[in-house]
Amino acid sequence: MITVVPTDRIYLCCGATDMRRGINSLARMVQQVLALDPHTGAIFCFRGHKGHIIKILAHDDQGFCLFTKRLTDGCFAWPTTRDQVAVSLTKAQLSLLLDGIDWRRPSKIYRPRLAG
């Protein structure tokens, strides 16, 4: 995984976003819809309508970065809520999300110890 910005402020923008949007349009969406400042160094994640594409917008000291990931199979786990516009994530949850794992309910796999 690429380390975008060393921050603990990671937000998922709930709902579906038009993946044709670029840096300027997504930054404007952060300001208008989420009422947050996109220049603070936080990471903002957006998911497309079909759910298999995610865009990540971040701002470092030099400018904006925009990363895109498309899953070949399945879709990204995304909150479906009408009350919240953005959901805050931890770095570990973001890592699970980008790996295509449901970050809301990660499960442990029982592995018995080998005899020996």
N, C-alpha and C. Protein backbone atom coordinates (compact mmCIF):
# COMPACT_ATOMS: atom_id res chain seq x y z
N MET A 1 0.83 -1.18 0.00
CA MET A 1 0.00 0.00 0.00
C MET A 1 0.88 1.24 0.00
N ILE A 2 0.46 2.23 -0.69
CA ILE A 2 1.18 3.49 -0.74
C ILE A 2 0.81 4.32 0.48
N THR A 3 1.80 4.85 1.17
CA THR A 3 1.52 5.73 2.28
C THR A 3 1.21 7.10 1.71
N VAL A 4 -0.02 7.53 1.89
CA VAL A 4 -0.46 8.78 1.28
C VAL A 4 0.03 9.96 2.11
N VAL A 5 -0.51 10.11 3.29
CA VAL A 5 -0.18 11.21 4.17
C VAL A 5 -0.17 10.65 5.59
N PRO A 6 0.82 10.99 6.39
CA PRO A 6 0.83 10.45 7.77
C PRO A 6 -0.23 11.15 8.62
N THR A 7 -1.45 10.66 8.56
CA THR A 7 -2.55 11.28 9.29
C THR A 7 -3.44 10.22 9.91
N ASP A 8 -4.15 10.60 10.93
CA ASP A 8 -5.13 9.72 11.55
C ASP A 8 -6.55 10.13 11.18
N ARG A 9 -6.67 11.16 10.36
CA ARG A 9 -7.99 11.64 9.95
C ARG A 9 -8.31 11.08 8.57
N ILE A 10 -9.11 10.03 8.59
CA ILE A 10 -9.50 9.34 7.36
C ILE A 10 -11.02 9.31 7.32
N TYR A 11 -11.59 9.77 6.23
CA TYR A 11 -13.05 9.86 6.12
C TYR A 11 -13.54 9.13 4.89
N LEU A 12 -14.62 8.36 5.07
CA LEU A 12 -15.35 7.78 3.94
C LEU A 12 -16.53 8.70 3.66
N CYS A 13 -16.68 9.09 2.44
CA CYS A 13 -17.82 9.91 2.04
C CYS A 13 -18.94 8.95 1.68
N CYS A 14 -19.97 8.91 2.51
CA CYS A 14 -21.06 7.95 2.34
C CYS A 14 -21.81 8.18 1.04
N GLY A 15 -22.40 7.12 0.54
CA GLY A 15 -23.13 7.22 -0.72
C GLY A 15 -22.21 6.97 -1.89
N ALA A 16 -22.76 7.10 -3.07
CA ALA A 16 -22.00 6.86 -4.30
C ALA A 16 -21.58 8.19 -4.91
N THR A 17 -20.40 8.19 -5.50
CA THR A 17 -19.83 9.39 -6.13
C THR A 17 -19.56 9.08 -7.60
N ASP A 18 -19.76 10.06 -8.43
CA ASP A 18 -19.46 9.94 -9.85
C ASP A 18 -17.93 9.84 -9.99
N MET A 19 -17.45 8.73 -10.51
CA MET A 19 -16.00 8.50 -10.60
C MET A 19 -15.36 9.27 -11.74
N ARG A 20 -16.12 10.05 -12.48
CA ARG A 20 -15.53 10.93 -13.49
C ARG A 20 -14.99 12.21 -12.85
N ARG A 21 -15.33 12.43 -11.58
CA ARG A 21 -14.85 13.62 -10.88
C ARG A 21 -13.34 13.57 -10.70
N GLY A 22 -12.73 14.74 -10.77
CA GLY A 22 -11.29 14.86 -10.57
C GLY A 22 -10.98 15.54 -9.25
N ILE A 23 -9.74 15.97 -9.11
CA ILE A 23 -9.26 16.57 -7.86
C ILE A 23 -10.10 17.79 -7.47
N ASN A 24 -10.28 18.73 -8.38
CA ASN A 24 -11.00 19.96 -8.04
C ASN A 24 -12.45 19.69 -7.64
N SER A 25 -13.11 18.82 -8.37
CA SER A 25 -14.50 18.52 -8.09
C SER A 25 -14.66 17.77 -6.77
N LEU A 26 -13.76 16.84 -6.47
CA LEU A 26 -13.82 16.11 -5.21
C LEU A 26 -13.49 17.02 -4.02
N ALA A 27 -12.52 17.91 -4.20
CA ALA A 27 -12.18 18.86 -3.13
C ALA A 27 -13.36 19.79 -2.85
N ARG A 28 -14.04 20.21 -3.90
CA ARG A 28 -15.22 21.06 -3.73
C ARG A 28 -16.34 20.29 -3.02
N MET A 29 -16.46 19.01 -3.33
CA MET A 29 -17.46 18.16 -2.68
C MET A 29 -17.16 18.03 -1.17
N VAL A 30 -15.90 17.90 -0.82
CA VAL A 30 -15.50 17.84 0.59
C VAL A 30 -15.93 19.12 1.31
N GLN A 31 -15.71 20.25 0.68
CA GLN A 31 -16.07 21.53 1.28
C GLN A 31 -17.57 21.72 1.40
N GLN A 32 -18.30 21.43 0.34
CA GLN A 32 -19.73 21.73 0.31
C GLN A 32 -20.59 20.67 0.99
N VAL A 33 -20.32 19.41 0.74
CA VAL A 33 -21.16 18.34 1.28
C VAL A 33 -20.74 17.95 2.69
N LEU A 34 -19.44 17.78 2.90
CA LEU A 34 -18.96 17.34 4.21
C LEU A 34 -18.68 18.49 5.16
N ALA A 35 -18.61 19.70 4.63
CA ALA A 35 -18.29 20.90 5.43
C ALA A 35 -16.94 20.75 6.12
N LEU A 36 -15.97 20.18 5.41
CA LEU A 36 -14.61 20.01 5.91
C LEU A 36 -13.63 20.70 4.97
N ASP A 37 -12.45 21.01 5.48
CA ASP A 37 -11.42 21.65 4.67
C ASP A 37 -10.53 20.57 4.06
N PRO A 38 -10.49 20.45 2.74
CA PRO A 38 -9.68 19.41 2.10
C PRO A 38 -8.18 19.67 2.18
N HIS A 39 -7.77 20.86 2.63
CA HIS A 39 -6.35 21.22 2.70
C HIS A 39 -5.70 20.88 4.03
N THR A 40 -6.40 20.21 4.93
CA THR A 40 -5.90 19.96 6.28
C THR A 40 -4.98 18.76 6.38
N GLY A 41 -4.85 17.99 5.32
CA GLY A 41 -4.01 16.79 5.36
C GLY A 41 -4.79 15.53 5.64
N ALA A 42 -6.10 15.62 5.77
CA ALA A 42 -6.94 14.44 5.97
C ALA A 42 -7.07 13.66 4.67
N ILE A 43 -7.48 12.42 4.78
CA ILE A 43 -7.70 11.56 3.63
C ILE A 43 -9.20 11.40 3.44
N PHE A 44 -9.67 11.56 2.21
CA PHE A 44 -11.08 11.44 1.90
C PHE A 44 -11.26 10.35 0.85
N CYS A 45 -12.13 9.39 1.14
CA CYS A 45 -12.36 8.25 0.25
C CYS A 45 -13.75 8.33 -0.35
N PHE A 46 -13.85 8.04 -1.64
CA PHE A 46 -15.10 8.09 -2.38
C PHE A 46 -15.26 6.78 -3.13
N ARG A 47 -16.50 6.28 -3.21
CA ARG A 47 -16.77 5.02 -3.91
C ARG A 47 -17.72 5.28 -5.06
N GLY A 48 -17.52 4.58 -6.16
CA GLY A 48 -18.37 4.72 -7.33
C GLY A 48 -19.71 4.03 -7.17
N HIS A 49 -20.60 4.23 -8.14
CA HIS A 49 -21.96 3.69 -8.08
C HIS A 49 -21.98 2.17 -8.07
N LYS A 50 -21.13 1.53 -8.85
CA LYS A 50 -21.11 0.07 -8.90
C LYS A 50 -20.38 -0.54 -7.71
N GLY A 51 -19.56 0.25 -7.04
CA GLY A 51 -18.91 -0.22 -5.82
C GLY A 51 -17.54 -0.85 -6.00
N HIS A 52 -17.06 -0.98 -7.22
CA HIS A 52 -15.76 -1.63 -7.42
C HIS A 52 -14.61 -0.64 -7.62
N ILE A 53 -14.92 0.66 -7.64
CA ILE A 53 -13.88 1.68 -7.78
C ILE A 53 -13.91 2.60 -6.56
N ILE A 54 -12.72 2.93 -6.07
CA ILE A 54 -12.59 3.85 -4.96
C ILE A 54 -11.56 4.90 -5.34
N LYS A 55 -11.82 6.15 -4.95
CA LYS A 55 -10.85 7.23 -5.15
C LYS A 55 -10.50 7.81 -3.79
N ILE A 56 -9.22 8.11 -3.62
CA ILE A 56 -8.72 8.67 -2.36
C ILE A 56 -8.09 10.01 -2.66
N LEU A 57 -8.58 11.04 -1.98
CA LEU A 57 -8.08 12.40 -2.14
C LEU A 57 -7.34 12.79 -0.87
N ALA A 58 -6.12 13.28 -1.03
CA ALA A 58 -5.32 13.72 0.11
C ALA A 58 -4.54 14.97 -0.29
N HIS A 59 -4.21 15.76 0.69
CA HIS A 59 -3.43 16.98 0.46
C HIS A 59 -2.21 16.94 1.36
N ASP A 60 -1.03 17.07 0.76
CA ASP A 60 0.20 17.17 1.55
C ASP A 60 0.66 18.63 1.49
N ASP A 61 1.86 18.89 1.89
CA ASP A 61 2.35 20.28 1.92
C ASP A 61 2.52 20.88 0.52
N GLN A 62 2.58 20.03 -0.50
CA GLN A 62 2.84 20.52 -1.85
C GLN A 62 1.60 20.60 -2.73
N GLY A 63 0.60 19.81 -2.44
CA GLY A 63 -0.61 19.82 -3.27
C GLY A 63 -1.45 18.58 -3.05
N PHE A 64 -2.43 18.41 -3.91
CA PHE A 64 -3.35 17.28 -3.80
C PHE A 64 -2.79 16.04 -4.48
N CYS A 65 -3.17 14.88 -3.94
CA CYS A 65 -2.89 13.58 -4.55
C CYS A 65 -4.22 12.88 -4.74
N LEU A 66 -4.39 12.20 -5.84
CA LEU A 66 -5.61 11.45 -6.11
C LEU A 66 -5.21 10.04 -6.53
N PHE A 67 -5.66 9.07 -5.75
CA PHE A 67 -5.37 7.66 -6.02
C PHE A 67 -6.67 6.96 -6.37
N THR A 68 -6.58 6.01 -7.28
CA THR A 68 -7.74 5.22 -7.68
C THR A 68 -7.40 3.75 -7.58
N LYS A 69 -8.36 2.96 -7.05
CA LYS A 69 -8.20 1.52 -7.04
C LYS A 69 -9.49 0.89 -7.55
N ARG A 70 -9.34 -0.09 -8.44
CA ARG A 70 -10.48 -0.82 -8.99
C ARG A 70 -10.30 -2.29 -8.69
N LEU A 71 -11.31 -2.89 -8.06
CA LEU A 71 -11.27 -4.32 -7.79
C LEU A 71 -11.70 -5.08 -9.03
N THR A 72 -11.04 -6.19 -9.31
CA THR A 72 -11.43 -7.01 -10.45
C THR A 72 -12.61 -7.90 -10.10
N ASP A 73 -12.71 -8.29 -8.83
CA ASP A 73 -13.83 -9.10 -8.35
C ASP A 73 -14.39 -8.48 -7.08
N GLY A 74 -15.69 -8.46 -6.97
CA GLY A 74 -16.33 -7.95 -5.76
C GLY A 74 -16.41 -6.44 -5.74
N CYS A 75 -16.77 -5.92 -4.56
CA CYS A 75 -16.87 -4.48 -4.40
C CYS A 75 -16.41 -4.09 -3.00
N PHE A 76 -16.14 -2.81 -2.82
CA PHE A 76 -15.68 -2.29 -1.54
C PHE A 76 -16.83 -2.22 -0.54
N ALA A 77 -16.56 -2.61 0.70
CA ALA A 77 -17.56 -2.51 1.77
C ALA A 77 -17.75 -1.03 2.09
N TRP A 78 -19.00 -0.58 2.07
CA TRP A 78 -19.28 0.85 2.23
C TRP A 78 -20.49 1.03 3.13
N PRO A 79 -20.46 2.02 3.99
CA PRO A 79 -21.62 2.22 4.87
C PRO A 79 -22.83 2.74 4.10
N THR A 80 -24.00 2.25 4.49
CA THR A 80 -25.24 2.75 3.91
C THR A 80 -26.00 3.44 5.03
N THR A 81 -25.89 4.73 5.09
CA THR A 81 -26.54 5.51 6.14
C THR A 81 -27.11 6.78 5.56
N ARG A 82 -28.22 7.20 6.11
CA ARG A 82 -28.82 8.45 5.65
C ARG A 82 -28.52 9.59 6.60
N ASP A 83 -28.15 9.26 7.84
CA ASP A 83 -27.91 10.30 8.84
C ASP A 83 -26.54 10.93 8.71
N GLN A 84 -25.53 10.11 8.47
CA GLN A 84 -24.16 10.61 8.41
C GLN A 84 -23.74 10.83 6.96
N VAL A 85 -22.95 11.87 6.76
CA VAL A 85 -22.42 12.16 5.44
C VAL A 85 -21.03 11.55 5.29
N ALA A 86 -20.28 11.52 6.41
CA ALA A 86 -18.93 10.95 6.40
C ALA A 86 -18.75 10.05 7.60
N VAL A 87 -17.95 9.01 7.42
CA VAL A 87 -17.62 8.07 8.48
C VAL A 87 -16.11 8.11 8.67
N SER A 88 -15.67 8.17 9.91
CA SER A 88 -14.25 8.21 10.21
C SER A 88 -13.69 6.80 10.32
N LEU A 89 -12.50 6.59 9.77
CA LEU A 89 -11.83 5.29 9.81
C LEU A 89 -10.47 5.40 10.47
N THR A 90 -9.97 4.27 10.94
CA THR A 90 -8.59 4.18 11.41
C THR A 90 -7.71 3.74 10.24
N LYS A 91 -6.41 3.80 10.43
CA LYS A 91 -5.49 3.34 9.37
C LYS A 91 -5.67 1.85 9.11
N ALA A 92 -5.90 1.07 10.17
CA ALA A 92 -6.09 -0.37 10.01
C ALA A 92 -7.36 -0.66 9.21
N GLN A 93 -8.43 0.07 9.49
CA GLN A 93 -9.67 -0.11 8.73
C GLN A 93 -9.50 0.28 7.27
N LEU A 94 -8.75 1.34 7.01
CA LEU A 94 -8.49 1.75 5.63
C LEU A 94 -7.70 0.67 4.90
N SER A 95 -6.75 0.08 5.58
CA SER A 95 -5.96 -1.00 4.98
C SER A 95 -6.85 -2.19 4.62
N LEU A 96 -7.76 -2.55 5.53
CA LEU A 96 -8.70 -3.64 5.24
C LEU A 96 -9.58 -3.29 4.05
N LEU A 97 -10.09 -2.06 4.04
CA LEU A 97 -10.95 -1.61 2.95
C LEU A 97 -10.24 -1.73 1.61
N LEU A 98 -9.02 -1.25 1.53
CA LEU A 98 -8.27 -1.29 0.27
C LEU A 98 -7.91 -2.70 -0.17
N ASP A 99 -7.88 -3.64 0.78
CA ASP A 99 -7.64 -5.04 0.45
C ASP A 99 -8.91 -5.77 0.05
N GLY A 100 -10.04 -5.06 0.05
CA GLY A 100 -11.30 -5.68 -0.33
C GLY A 100 -11.97 -6.45 0.79
N ILE A 101 -11.55 -6.22 2.03
CA ILE A 101 -12.10 -6.91 3.20
C ILE A 101 -13.13 -6.00 3.86
N ASP A 102 -14.20 -6.60 4.37
CA ASP A 102 -15.22 -5.81 5.05
C ASP A 102 -14.65 -5.29 6.36
N TRP A 103 -14.28 -4.03 6.40
CA TRP A 103 -13.63 -3.41 7.55
C TRP A 103 -14.58 -3.27 8.73
N ARG A 104 -15.88 -3.38 8.51
CA ARG A 104 -16.86 -3.22 9.59
C ARG A 104 -16.95 -4.45 10.46
N ARG A 105 -16.69 -5.63 9.88
CA ARG A 105 -16.76 -6.88 10.62
C ARG A 105 -15.62 -7.81 10.24
N PRO A 106 -14.38 -7.42 10.51
CA PRO A 106 -13.30 -8.35 10.21
C PRO A 106 -13.39 -9.54 11.15
N SER A 107 -13.09 -10.72 10.65
CA SER A 107 -13.20 -11.91 11.49
C SER A 107 -11.86 -12.63 11.54
N LYS A 108 -11.61 -13.20 12.70
CA LYS A 108 -10.40 -14.00 12.86
C LYS A 108 -10.64 -15.38 12.29
N ILE A 109 -9.60 -15.93 11.77
CA ILE A 109 -9.67 -17.29 11.26
C ILE A 109 -8.99 -18.18 12.28
N TYR A 110 -9.72 -19.19 12.74
CA TYR A 110 -9.16 -20.11 13.72
C TYR A 110 -8.15 -21.01 13.03
N ARG A 111 -6.96 -21.00 13.57
CA ARG A 111 -5.90 -21.87 13.03
C ARG A 111 -5.34 -22.69 14.17
N PRO A 112 -5.62 -23.97 14.17
CA PRO A 112 -5.12 -24.82 15.26
C PRO A 112 -3.60 -24.90 15.22
N ARG A 113 -3.03 -25.01 16.41
CA ARG A 113 -1.57 -25.15 16.48
C ARG A 113 -1.15 -26.51 15.96
N LEU A 114 -0.01 -26.52 15.32
CA LEU A 114 0.54 -27.78 14.80
C LEU A 114 1.14 -28.58 15.95
N ALA A 115 0.89 -29.85 15.95
CA ALA A 115 1.47 -30.71 16.97
C ALA A 115 2.94 -30.90 16.68
N GLY A 116 3.68 -30.87 17.73
CA GLY A 116 5.08 -31.10 17.43
C GLY A 116 5.97 -30.62 18.40
